[in-house]
Amino acid sequence: IVVSLVDGLSPLISSLIVLTPFFFASLIGDIVVSYVASMALALV
């Protein structure tokens, strides 16, 4: 159970983190900034 949960949740959560800037795209105002922020977050 533990190994399966870690195996499934780790890629799910890490990939969703990279998407985070797009959830705030309306506040950011420029979709290009969201793309750049997403890639920067991925590198972090």
PDB file of all heavy atoms in Angstrom:
ATOM      1  N   ILE A   1       0.828  -1.208   0.000  1.00  0.00           N
ATOM      2  CA  ILE A   1       0.000   0.000   0.000  1.00  0.00           C
ATOM      3  C   ILE A   1       0.861   1.256   0.000  1.00  0.00           C
ATOM      4  O   ILE A   1       0.632   2.186  -0.791  1.00  0.00           O
ATOM      5  CB  ILE A   1      -0.940   0.005   1.228  1.00  0.00           C
ATOM      6  CG1 ILE A   1      -1.967  -1.118   1.107  1.00  0.00           C
ATOM      7  CG2 ILE A   1      -1.648   1.352   1.350  1.00  0.00           C
ATOM      8  CD1 ILE A   1      -2.795  -1.334   2.358  1.00  0.00           C
ATOM      9  N   VAL A   2       1.871   1.293   0.864  1.00  0.00           N
ATOM     10  CA  VAL A   2       2.720   2.484   0.983  1.00  0.00           C
ATOM     11  C   VAL A   2       3.481   2.752  -0.315  1.00  0.00           C
ATOM     12  O   VAL A   2       3.474   3.877  -0.841  1.00  0.00           O
ATOM     13  CB  VAL A   2       3.717   2.335   2.154  1.00  0.00           C
ATOM     14  CG1 VAL A   2       4.759   3.457   2.120  1.00  0.00           C
ATOM     15  CG2 VAL A   2       2.983   2.336   3.487  1.00  0.00           C
ATOM     16  N   VAL A   3       4.112   1.716  -0.855  1.00  0.00           N
ATOM     17  CA  VAL A   3       4.886   1.883  -2.082  1.00  0.00           C
ATOM     18  C   VAL A   3       3.980   2.286  -3.243  1.00  0.00           C
ATOM     19  O   VAL A   3       4.330   3.158  -4.054  1.00  0.00           O
ATOM     20  CB  VAL A   3       5.650   0.586  -2.421  1.00  0.00           C
ATOM     21  CG1 VAL A   3       6.301   0.691  -3.802  1.00  0.00           C
ATOM     22  CG2 VAL A   3       6.711   0.302  -1.370  1.00  0.00           C
ATOM     23  N   SER A   4       2.798   1.684  -3.312  1.00  0.00           N
ATOM     24  CA  SER A   4       1.865   2.010  -4.396  1.00  0.00           C
ATOM     25  C   SER A   4       1.401   3.455  -4.310  1.00  0.00           C
ATOM     26  O   SER A   4       1.332   4.164  -5.326  1.00  0.00           O
ATOM     27  CB  SER A   4       0.650   1.074  -4.349  1.00  0.00           C
ATOM     28  OG  SER A   4       1.028  -0.264  -4.516  1.00  0.00           O
ATOM     29  N   LEU A   5       1.072   3.904  -3.093  1.00  0.00           N
ATOM     30  CA  LEU A   5       0.610   5.287  -2.919  1.00  0.00           C
ATOM     31  C   LEU A   5       1.709   6.280  -3.279  1.00  0.00           C
ATOM     32  O   LEU A   5       1.456   7.279  -3.967  1.00  0.00           O
ATOM     33  CB  LEU A   5       0.158   5.506  -1.476  1.00  0.00           C
ATOM     34  CG  LEU A   5      -1.185   4.884  -1.086  1.00  0.00           C
ATOM     35  CD1 LEU A   5      -1.453   5.071   0.397  1.00  0.00           C
ATOM     36  CD2 LEU A   5      -2.327   5.479  -1.909  1.00  0.00           C
ATOM     37  N   VAL A   6       2.914   6.018  -2.815  1.00  0.00           N
ATOM     38  CA  VAL A   6       4.038   6.909  -3.140  1.00  0.00           C
ATOM     39  C   VAL A   6       4.290   6.915  -4.642  1.00  0.00           C
ATOM     40  O   VAL A   6       4.507   7.966  -5.245  1.00  0.00           O
ATOM     41  CB  VAL A   6       5.307   6.482  -2.382  1.00  0.00           C
ATOM     42  CG1 VAL A   6       6.516   7.281  -2.877  1.00  0.00           C
ATOM     43  CG2 VAL A   6       5.132   6.680  -0.888  1.00  0.00           C
ATOM     44  N   ASP A   7       4.226   5.727  -5.244  1.00  0.00           N
ATOM     45  CA  ASP A   7       4.470   5.601  -6.682  1.00  0.00           C
ATOM     46  C   ASP A   7       3.435   6.363  -7.494  1.00  0.00           C
ATOM     47  O   ASP A   7       3.742   6.922  -8.558  1.00  0.00           O
ATOM     48  CB  ASP A   7       4.442   4.119  -7.082  1.00  0.00           C
ATOM     49  CG  ASP A   7       5.637   3.724  -7.924  1.00  0.00           C
ATOM     50  OD1 ASP A   7       5.891   4.396  -8.924  1.00  0.00           O
ATOM     51  OD2 ASP A   7       6.324   2.762  -7.562  1.00  0.00           O
ATOM     52  N   GLY A   8       2.195   6.384  -7.019  1.00  0.00           N
ATOM     53  CA  GLY A   8       1.139   7.058  -7.757  1.00  0.00           C
ATOM     54  C   GLY A   8       1.017   8.535  -7.457  1.00  0.00           C
ATOM     55  O   GLY A   8       0.812   9.354  -8.360  1.00  0.00           O
ATOM     56  N   LEU A   9       1.158   8.895  -6.180  1.00  0.00           N
ATOM     57  CA  LEU A   9       0.948  10.283  -5.788  1.00  0.00           C
ATOM     58  C   LEU A   9       2.117  11.199  -6.136  1.00  0.00           C
ATOM     59  O   LEU A   9       1.914  12.385  -6.424  1.00  0.00           O
ATOM     60  CB  LEU A   9       0.675  10.364  -4.284  1.00  0.00           C
ATOM     61  CG  LEU A   9      -0.660   9.778  -3.808  1.00  0.00           C
ATOM     62  CD1 LEU A   9      -0.759   9.848  -2.291  1.00  0.00           C
ATOM     63  CD2 LEU A   9      -1.829  10.512  -4.456  1.00  0.00           C
ATOM     64  N   SER A  10       3.341  10.662  -6.113  1.00  0.00           N
ATOM     65  CA  SER A  10       4.500  11.528  -6.371  1.00  0.00           C
ATOM     66  C   SER A  10       4.494  12.144  -7.776  1.00  0.00           C
ATOM     67  O   SER A  10       4.720  13.360  -7.912  1.00  0.00           O
ATOM     68  CB  SER A  10       5.811  10.789  -6.098  1.00  0.00           C
ATOM     69  OG  SER A  10       5.876   9.565  -6.781  1.00  0.00           O
ATOM     70  N   PRO A  11       4.213  11.370  -8.860  1.00  0.00           N
ATOM     71  CA  PRO A  11       4.161  12.030 -10.165  1.00  0.00           C
ATOM     72  C   PRO A  11       2.919  12.897 -10.327  1.00  0.00           C
ATOM     73  O   PRO A  11       2.962  13.930 -11.006  1.00  0.00           O
ATOM     74  CB  PRO A  11       4.160  10.861 -11.151  1.00  0.00           C
ATOM     75  CG  PRO A  11       3.555   9.734 -10.396  1.00  0.00           C
ATOM     76  CD  PRO A  11       4.032   9.916  -8.986  1.00  0.00           C
ATOM     77  N   LEU A  12       1.823  12.484  -9.691  1.00  0.00           N
ATOM     78  CA  LEU A  12       0.586  13.270  -9.774  1.00  0.00           C
ATOM     79  C   LEU A  12       0.780  14.650  -9.162  1.00  0.00           C
ATOM     80  O   LEU A  12       0.495  15.676  -9.793  1.00  0.00           O
ATOM     81  CB  LEU A  12      -0.546  12.529  -9.053  1.00  0.00           C
ATOM     82  CG  LEU A  12      -1.874  13.285  -8.893  1.00  0.00           C
ATOM     83  CD1 LEU A  12      -2.505  13.540 -10.248  1.00  0.00           C
ATOM     84  CD2 LEU A  12      -2.828  12.526  -7.993  1.00  0.00           C
ATOM     85  N   ILE A  13       1.302  14.690  -7.947  1.00  0.00           N
ATOM     86  CA  ILE A  13       1.468  15.959  -7.238  1.00  0.00           C
ATOM     87  C   ILE A  13       2.546  16.823  -7.884  1.00  0.00           C
ATOM     88  O   ILE A  13       2.354  18.039  -8.080  1.00  0.00           O
ATOM     89  CB  ILE A  13       1.811  15.703  -5.760  1.00  0.00           C
ATOM     90  CG1 ILE A  13       0.619  15.043  -5.058  1.00  0.00           C
ATOM     91  CG2 ILE A  13       2.186  17.006  -5.049  1.00  0.00           C
ATOM     92  CD1 ILE A  13       0.901  14.585  -3.655  1.00  0.00           C
ATOM     93  N   SER A  14       3.681  16.214  -8.235  1.00  0.00           N
ATOM     94  CA  SER A  14       4.775  17.002  -8.812  1.00  0.00           C
ATOM     95  C   SER A  14       4.379  17.615 -10.153  1.00  0.00           C
ATOM     96  O   SER A  14       4.743  18.756 -10.458  1.00  0.00           O
ATOM     97  CB  SER A  14       6.022  16.125  -8.986  1.00  0.00           C
ATOM     98  OG  SER A  14       5.801  15.076  -9.913  1.00  0.00           O
ATOM     99  N   SER A  15       3.613  16.877 -10.947  1.00  0.00           N
ATOM    100  CA  SER A  15       3.186  17.419 -12.245  1.00  0.00           C
ATOM    101  C   SER A  15       2.155  18.533 -12.064  1.00  0.00           C
ATOM    102  O   SER A  15       2.167  19.527 -12.804  1.00  0.00           O
ATOM    103  CB  SER A  15       2.619  16.303 -13.129  1.00  0.00           C
ATOM    104  OG  SER A  15       1.524  15.651 -12.501  1.00  0.00           O
ATOM    105  N   LEU A  16       1.289  18.402 -11.060  1.00  0.00           N
ATOM    106  CA  LEU A  16       0.296  19.448 -10.806  1.00  0.00           C
ATOM    107  C   LEU A  16       0.955  20.728 -10.303  1.00  0.00           C
ATOM    108  O   LEU A  16       0.480  21.832 -10.595  1.00  0.00           O
ATOM    109  CB  LEU A  16      -0.737  18.960  -9.786  1.00  0.00           C
ATOM    110  CG  LEU A  16      -1.742  17.910 -10.293  1.00  0.00           C
ATOM    111  CD1 LEU A  16      -2.643  17.449  -9.149  1.00  0.00           C
ATOM    112  CD2 LEU A  16      -2.573  18.454 -11.451  1.00  0.00           C
ATOM    113  N   ILE A  17       2.049  20.582  -9.569  1.00  0.00           N
ATOM    114  CA  ILE A  17       2.776  21.769  -9.083  1.00  0.00           C
ATOM    115  C   ILE A  17       3.258  22.606 -10.256  1.00  0.00           C
ATOM    116  O   ILE A  17       3.190  23.845 -10.227  1.00  0.00           O
ATOM    117  CB  ILE A  17       3.965  21.344  -8.197  1.00  0.00           C
ATOM    118  CG1 ILE A  17       3.457  20.784  -6.864  1.00  0.00           C
ATOM    119  CG2 ILE A  17       4.905  22.528  -7.944  1.00  0.00           C
ATOM    120  CD1 ILE A  17       4.545  20.216  -5.979  1.00  0.00           C
ATOM    121  N   VAL A  18       3.731  21.936 -11.304  1.00  0.00           N
ATOM    122  CA  VAL A  18       4.226  22.651 -12.490  1.00  0.00           C
ATOM    123  C   VAL A  18       3.103  23.444 -13.154  1.00  0.00           C
ATOM    124  O   VAL A  18       3.344  24.484 -13.772  1.00  0.00           O
ATOM    125  CB  VAL A  18       4.855  21.655 -13.492  1.00  0.00           C
ATOM    126  CG1 VAL A  18       5.334  22.375 -14.747  1.00  0.00           C
ATOM    127  CG2 VAL A  18       6.019  20.915 -12.839  1.00  0.00           C
ATOM    128  N   LEU A  19       1.865  22.978 -13.012  1.00  0.00           N
ATOM    129  CA  LEU A  19       0.708  23.653 -13.617  1.00  0.00           C
ATOM    130  C   LEU A  19       0.246  24.872 -12.834  1.00  0.00           C
ATOM    131  O   LEU A  19      -0.564  25.657 -13.337  1.00  0.00           O
ATOM    132  CB  LEU A  19      -0.470  22.672 -13.720  1.00  0.00           C
ATOM    133  CG  LEU A  19      -0.525  21.707 -14.898  1.00  0.00           C
ATOM    134  CD1 LEU A  19      -1.779  20.852 -14.770  1.00  0.00           C
ATOM    135  CD2 LEU A  19      -0.518  22.435 -16.227  1.00  0.00           C
ATOM    136  N   THR A  20       0.722  25.027 -11.610  1.00  0.00           N
ATOM    137  CA  THR A  20       0.208  26.056 -10.700  1.00  0.00           C
ATOM    138  C   THR A  20       0.081  27.452 -11.319  1.00  0.00           C
ATOM    139  O   THR A  20      -0.956  28.110 -11.128  1.00  0.00           O
ATOM    140  CB  THR A  20       1.096  26.139  -9.438  1.00  0.00           C
ATOM    141  OG1 THR A  20       1.122  24.860  -8.803  1.00  0.00           O
ATOM    142  CG2 THR A  20       0.536  27.163  -8.460  1.00  0.00           C
ATOM    143  N   PRO A  21       1.066  27.956 -12.059  1.00  0.00           N
ATOM    144  CA  PRO A  21       0.936  29.321 -12.608  1.00  0.00           C
ATOM    145  C   PRO A  21      -0.289  29.515 -13.493  1.00  0.00           C
ATOM    146  O   PRO A  21      -0.807  30.643 -13.585  1.00  0.00           O
ATOM    147  CB  PRO A  21       2.229  29.493 -13.422  1.00  0.00           C
ATOM    148  CG  PRO A  21       3.210  28.593 -12.737  1.00  0.00           C
ATOM    149  CD  PRO A  21       2.401  27.399 -12.343  1.00  0.00           C
ATOM    150  N   PHE A  22      -0.774  28.453 -14.117  1.00  0.00           N
ATOM    151  CA  PHE A  22      -1.923  28.597 -15.014  1.00  0.00           C
ATOM    152  C   PHE A  22      -3.232  28.779 -14.247  1.00  0.00           C
ATOM    153  O   PHE A  22      -4.203  29.314 -14.785  1.00  0.00           O
ATOM    154  CB  PHE A  22      -2.008  27.400 -15.960  1.00  0.00           C
ATOM    155  CG  PHE A  22      -0.859  27.329 -16.925  1.00  0.00           C
ATOM    156  CD1 PHE A  22       0.231  26.517 -16.669  1.00  0.00           C
ATOM    157  CD2 PHE A  22      -0.850  28.109 -18.064  1.00  0.00           C
ATOM    158  CE1 PHE A  22       1.304  26.466 -17.543  1.00  0.00           C
ATOM    159  CE2 PHE A  22       0.220  28.067 -18.955  1.00  0.00           C
ATOM    160  CZ  PHE A  22       1.300  27.253 -18.685  1.00  0.00           C
ATOM    161  N   PHE A  23      -3.259  28.355 -12.991  1.00  0.00           N
ATOM    162  CA  PHE A  23      -4.446  28.577 -12.169  1.00  0.00           C
ATOM    163  C   PHE A  23      -4.582  30.058 -11.795  1.00  0.00           C
ATOM    164  O   PHE A  23      -5.657  30.502 -11.403  1.00  0.00           O
ATOM    165  CB  PHE A  23      -4.375  27.723 -10.898  1.00  0.00           C
ATOM    166  CG  PHE A  23      -4.546  26.257 -11.136  1.00  0.00           C
ATOM    167  CD1 PHE A  23      -3.452  25.421 -11.250  1.00  0.00           C
ATOM    168  CD2 PHE A  23      -5.813  25.705 -11.279  1.00  0.00           C
ATOM    169  CE1 PHE A  23      -3.597  24.065 -11.478  1.00  0.00           C
ATOM    170  CE2 PHE A  23      -5.983  24.346 -11.505  1.00  0.00           C
ATOM    171  CZ  PHE A  23      -4.875  23.524 -11.604  1.00  0.00           C
ATOM    172  N   PHE A  24      -3.478  30.784 -11.918  1.00  0.00           N
ATOM    173  CA  PHE A  24      -3.490  32.214 -11.598  1.00  0.00           C
ATOM    174  C   PHE A  24      -3.306  33.066 -12.857  1.00  0.00           C
ATOM    175  O   PHE A  24      -2.933  34.231 -12.764  1.00  0.00           O
ATOM    176  CB  PHE A  24      -2.368  32.528 -10.601  1.00  0.00           C
ATOM    177  CG  PHE A  24      -2.485  31.760  -9.306  1.00  0.00           C
ATOM    178  CD1 PHE A  24      -1.771  30.582  -9.121  1.00  0.00           C
ATOM    179  CD2 PHE A  24      -3.326  32.197  -8.300  1.00  0.00           C
ATOM    180  CE1 PHE A  24      -1.880  29.866  -7.940  1.00  0.00           C
ATOM    181  CE2 PHE A  24      -3.443  31.493  -7.115  1.00  0.00           C
ATOM    182  CZ  PHE A  24      -2.722  30.320  -6.926  1.00  0.00           C
ATOM    183  N   ALA A  25      -3.574  32.450 -14.007  1.00  0.00           N
ATOM    184  CA  ALA A  25      -3.363  33.151 -15.281  1.00  0.00           C
ATOM    185  C   ALA A  25      -4.194  34.419 -15.383  1.00  0.00           C
ATOM    186  O   ALA A  25      -3.744  35.434 -15.933  1.00  0.00           O
ATOM    187  CB  ALA A  25      -3.683  32.218 -16.449  1.00  0.00           C
ATOM    188  N   SER A  26      -5.421  34.388 -14.850  1.00  0.00           N
ATOM    189  CA  SER A  26      -6.278  35.574 -14.939  1.00  0.00           C
ATOM    190  C   SER A  26      -5.713  36.722 -14.108  1.00  0.00           C
ATOM    191  O   SER A  26      -5.891  37.892 -14.454  1.00  0.00           O
ATOM    192  CB  SER A  26      -7.697  35.231 -14.461  1.00  0.00           C
ATOM    193  OG  SER A  26      -7.686  34.772 -13.116  1.00  0.00           O
ATOM    194  N   LEU A  27      -5.039  36.393 -13.011  1.00  0.00           N
ATOM    195  CA  LEU A  27      -4.414  37.423 -12.181  1.00  0.00           C
ATOM    196  C   LEU A  27      -3.108  37.911 -12.804  1.00  0.00           C
ATOM    197  O   LEU A  27      -2.783  39.108 -12.731  1.00  0.00           O
ATOM    198  CB  LEU A  27      -4.131  36.874 -10.780  1.00  0.00           C
ATOM    199  CG  LEU A  27      -5.363  36.463  -9.954  1.00  0.00           C
ATOM    200  CD1 LEU A  27      -4.925  35.843  -8.637  1.00  0.00           C
ATOM    201  CD2 LEU A  27      -6.263  37.673  -9.708  1.00  0.00           C
ATOM    202  N   ILE A  28      -2.384  36.968 -13.421  1.00  0.00           N
ATOM    203  CA  ILE A  28      -1.109  37.326 -14.062  1.00  0.00           C
ATOM    204  C   ILE A  28      -1.354  38.205 -15.276  1.00  0.00           C
ATOM    205  O   ILE A  28      -0.638  39.177 -15.517  1.00  0.00           O
ATOM    206  CB  ILE A  28      -0.336  36.051 -14.459  1.00  0.00           C
ATOM    207  CG1 ILE A  28       0.065  35.274 -13.183  1.00  0.00           C
ATOM    208  CG2 ILE A  28       0.900  36.396 -15.288  1.00  0.00           C
ATOM    209  CD1 ILE A  28       0.692  33.932 -13.458  1.00  0.00           C
ATOM    210  N   GLY A  29      -2.377  37.852 -16.055  1.00  0.00           N
ATOM    211  CA  GLY A  29      -2.779  38.689 -17.182  1.00  0.00           C
ATOM    212  C   GLY A  29      -2.161  38.343 -18.517  1.00  0.00           C
ATOM    213  O   GLY A  29      -2.720  38.644 -19.561  1.00  0.00           O
ATOM    214  N   ASP A  30      -1.006  37.703 -18.508  1.00  0.00           N
ATOM    215  CA  ASP A  30      -0.312  37.366 -19.760  1.00  0.00           C
ATOM    216  C   ASP A  30       0.008  35.866 -19.727  1.00  0.00           C
ATOM    217  O   ASP A  30       0.749  35.403 -18.869  1.00  0.00           O
ATOM    218  CB  ASP A  30       0.964  38.184 -19.901  1.00  0.00           C
ATOM    219  CG  ASP A  30       1.635  38.006 -21.264  1.00  0.00           C
ATOM    220  OD1 ASP A  30       1.263  37.052 -21.985  1.00  0.00           O
ATOM    221  OD2 ASP A  30       2.536  38.801 -21.587  1.00  0.00           O
ATOM    222  N   ILE A  31      -0.548  35.122 -20.685  1.00  0.00           N
ATOM    223  CA  ILE A  31      -0.369  33.671 -20.698  1.00  0.00           C
ATOM    224  C   ILE A  31       1.091  33.282 -20.876  1.00  0.00           C
ATOM    225  O   ILE A  31       1.538  32.246 -20.366  1.00  0.00           O
ATOM    226  CB  ILE A  31      -1.234  33.028 -21.824  1.00  0.00           C
ATOM    227  CG1 ILE A  31      -1.263  31.506 -21.683  1.00  0.00           C
ATOM    228  CG2 ILE A  31      -0.733  33.441 -23.189  1.00  0.00           C
ATOM    229  CD1 ILE A  31      -1.977  31.010 -20.471  1.00  0.00           C
ATOM    230  N   VAL A  32       1.856  34.142 -21.575  1.00  0.00           N
ATOM    231  CA  VAL A  32       3.286  33.859 -21.777  1.00  0.00           C
ATOM    232  C   VAL A  32       4.010  33.855 -20.434  1.00  0.00           C
ATOM    233  O   VAL A  32       4.899  33.022 -20.193  1.00  0.00           O
ATOM    234  CB  VAL A  32       3.923  34.882 -22.736  1.00  0.00           C
ATOM    235  CG1 VAL A  32       5.437  34.674 -22.797  1.00  0.00           C
ATOM    236  CG2 VAL A  32       3.318  34.756 -24.127  1.00  0.00           C
ATOM    237  N   VAL A  33       3.627  34.764 -19.548  1.00  0.00           N
ATOM    238  CA  VAL A  33       4.229  34.810 -18.214  1.00  0.00           C
ATOM    239  C   VAL A  33       3.913  33.522 -17.458  1.00  0.00           C
ATOM    240  O   VAL A  33       4.761  32.987 -16.729  1.00  0.00           O
ATOM    241  CB  VAL A  33       3.721  36.033 -17.426  1.00  0.00           C
ATOM    242  CG1 VAL A  33       4.263  36.018 -15.996  1.00  0.00           C
ATOM    243  CG2 VAL A  33       4.119  37.325 -18.126  1.00  0.00           C
ATOM    244  N   SER A  34       2.704  33.007 -17.642  1.00  0.00           N
ATOM    245  CA  SER A  34       2.325  31.747 -16.992  1.00  0.00           C
ATOM    246  C   SER A  34       3.179  30.599 -17.509  1.00  0.00           C
ATOM    247  O   SER A  34       3.619  29.743 -16.727  1.00  0.00           O
ATOM    248  CB  SER A  34       0.840  31.448 -17.246  1.00  0.00           C
ATOM    249  OG  SER A  34       0.014  32.404 -16.623  1.00  0.00           O
ATOM    250  N   TYR A  35       3.417  30.578 -18.816  1.00  0.00           N
ATOM    251  CA  TYR A  35       4.276  29.545 -19.407  1.00  0.00           C
ATOM    252  C   TYR A  35       5.696  29.632 -18.832  1.00  0.00           C
ATOM    253  O   TYR A  35       6.277  28.621 -18.425  1.00  0.00           O
ATOM    254  CB  TYR A  35       4.324  29.705 -20.929  1.00  0.00           C
ATOM    255  CG  TYR A  35       3.175  29.068 -21.669  1.00  0.00           C
ATOM    256  CD1 TYR A  35       2.286  29.838 -22.414  1.00  0.00           C
ATOM    257  CD2 TYR A  35       3.001  27.682 -21.648  1.00  0.00           C
ATOM    258  CE1 TYR A  35       1.232  29.251 -23.114  1.00  0.00           C
ATOM    259  CE2 TYR A  35       1.949  27.097 -22.339  1.00  0.00           C
ATOM    260  CZ  TYR A  35       1.065  27.881 -23.066  1.00  0.00           C
ATOM    261  OH  TYR A  35       0.028  27.282 -23.758  1.00  0.00           O
ATOM    262  N   VAL A  36       6.237  30.827 -18.796  1.00  0.00           N
ATOM    263  CA  VAL A  36       7.603  31.013 -18.290  1.00  0.00           C
ATOM    264  C   VAL A  36       7.680  30.647 -16.814  1.00  0.00           C
ATOM    265  O   VAL A  36       8.614  29.963 -16.370  1.00  0.00           O
ATOM    266  CB  VAL A  36       8.064  32.473 -18.499  1.00  0.00           C
ATOM    267  CG1 VAL A  36       9.407  32.712 -17.813  1.00  0.00           C
ATOM    268  CG2 VAL A  36       8.166  32.798 -19.990  1.00  0.00           C
ATOM    269  N   ALA A  37       6.682  31.073 -16.045  1.00  0.00           N
ATOM    270  CA  ALA A  37       6.654  30.767 -14.612  1.00  0.00           C
ATOM    271  C   ALA A  37       6.539  29.264 -14.381  1.00  0.00           C
ATOM    272  O   ALA A  37       7.156  28.714 -13.456  1.00  0.00           O
ATOM    273  CB  ALA A  37       5.485  31.491 -13.947  1.00  0.00           C
ATOM    274  N   SER A  38       5.775  28.596 -15.226  1.00  0.00           N
ATOM    275  CA  SER A  38       5.613  27.149 -15.114  1.00  0.00           C
ATOM    276  C   SER A  38       6.933  26.432 -15.334  1.00  0.00           C
ATOM    277  O   SER A  38       7.297  25.508 -14.585  1.00  0.00           O
ATOM    278  CB  SER A  38       4.581  26.657 -16.133  1.00  0.00           C
ATOM    279  OG  SER A  38       4.453  25.252 -16.093  1.00  0.00           O
ATOM    280  N   MET A  39       7.685  26.855 -16.357  1.00  0.00           N
ATOM    281  CA  MET A  39       8.974  26.233 -16.626  1.00  0.00           C
ATOM    282  C   MET A  39       9.988  26.543 -15.531  1.00  0.00           C
ATOM    283  O   MET A  39      10.796  25.686 -15.145  1.00  0.00           O
ATOM    284  CB  MET A  39       9.517  26.707 -17.983  1.00  0.00           C
ATOM    285  CG  MET A  39       8.704  26.203 -19.192  1.00  0.00           C
ATOM    286  SD  MET A  39       8.628  24.382 -19.299  1.00  0.00           S
ATOM    287  CE  MET A  39       7.053  24.052 -18.446  1.00  0.00           C
ATOM    288  N   ALA A  40       9.932  27.755 -15.007  1.00  0.00           N
ATOM    289  CA  ALA A  40      10.833  28.118 -13.914  1.00  0.00           C
ATOM    290  C   ALA A  40      10.515  27.275 -12.675  1.00  0.00           C
ATOM    291  O   ALA A  40      11.421  26.785 -11.984  1.00  0.00           O
ATOM    292  CB  ALA A  40      10.692  29.603 -13.589  1.00  0.00           C
ATOM    293  N   LEU A  41       9.226  27.092 -12.414  1.00  0.00           N
ATOM    294  CA  LEU A  41       8.805  26.278 -11.272  1.00  0.00           C
ATOM    295  C   LEU A  41       9.236  24.829 -11.447  1.00  0.00           C
ATOM    296  O   LEU A  41       9.639  24.162 -10.485  1.00  0.00           O
ATOM    297  CB  LEU A  41       7.287  26.371 -11.115  1.00  0.00           C
ATOM    298  CG  LEU A  41       6.667  25.741  -9.867  1.00  0.00           C
ATOM    299  CD1 LEU A  41       7.306  26.310  -8.604  1.00  0.00           C
ATOM    300  CD2 LEU A  41       5.159  25.981  -9.860  1.00  0.00           C
ATOM    301  N   ALA A  42       9.159  24.343 -12.685  1.00  0.00           N
ATOM    302  CA  ALA A  42       9.592  22.971 -12.976  1.00  0.00           C
ATOM    303  C   ALA A  42      11.076  22.803 -12.660  1.00  0.00           C
ATOM    304  O   ALA A  42      11.487  21.796 -12.066  1.00  0.00           O
ATOM    305  CB  ALA A  42       9.326  22.632 -14.441  1.00  0.00           C
ATOM    306  N   LEU A  43      11.880  23.780 -13.048  1.00  0.00           N
ATOM    307  CA  LEU A  43      13.323  23.720 -12.775  1.00  0.00           C
ATOM    308  C   LEU A  43      13.607  23.778 -11.280  1.00  0.00           C
ATOM    309  O   LEU A  43      14.506  23.093 -10.785  1.00  0.00           O
ATOM    310  CB  LEU A  43      14.043  24.850 -13.502  1.00  0.00           C
ATOM    311  CG  LEU A  43      14.028  24.774 -15.040  1.00  0.00           C
ATOM    312  CD1 LEU A  43      14.746  25.982 -15.639  1.00  0.00           C
ATOM    313  CD2 LEU A  43      14.671  23.484 -15.533  1.00  0.00           C
ATOM    314  N   VAL A  44      12.833  24.578 -10.561  1.00  0.00           N
ATOM    315  CA  VAL A  44      12.992  24.650  -9.107  1.00  0.00           C
ATOM    316  C   VAL A  44      12.650  23.300  -8.472  1.00  0.00           C
ATOM    317  O   VAL A  44      13.358  22.829  -7.562  1.00  0.00           O
ATOM    318  CB  VAL A  44      12.090  25.760  -8.509  1.00  0.00           C
ATOM    319  CG1 VAL A  44      12.050  25.667  -6.983  1.00  0.00           C
ATOM    320  CG2 VAL A  44      12.577  27.130  -8.938  1.00  0.00           C
TER     321      VAL A  44
END
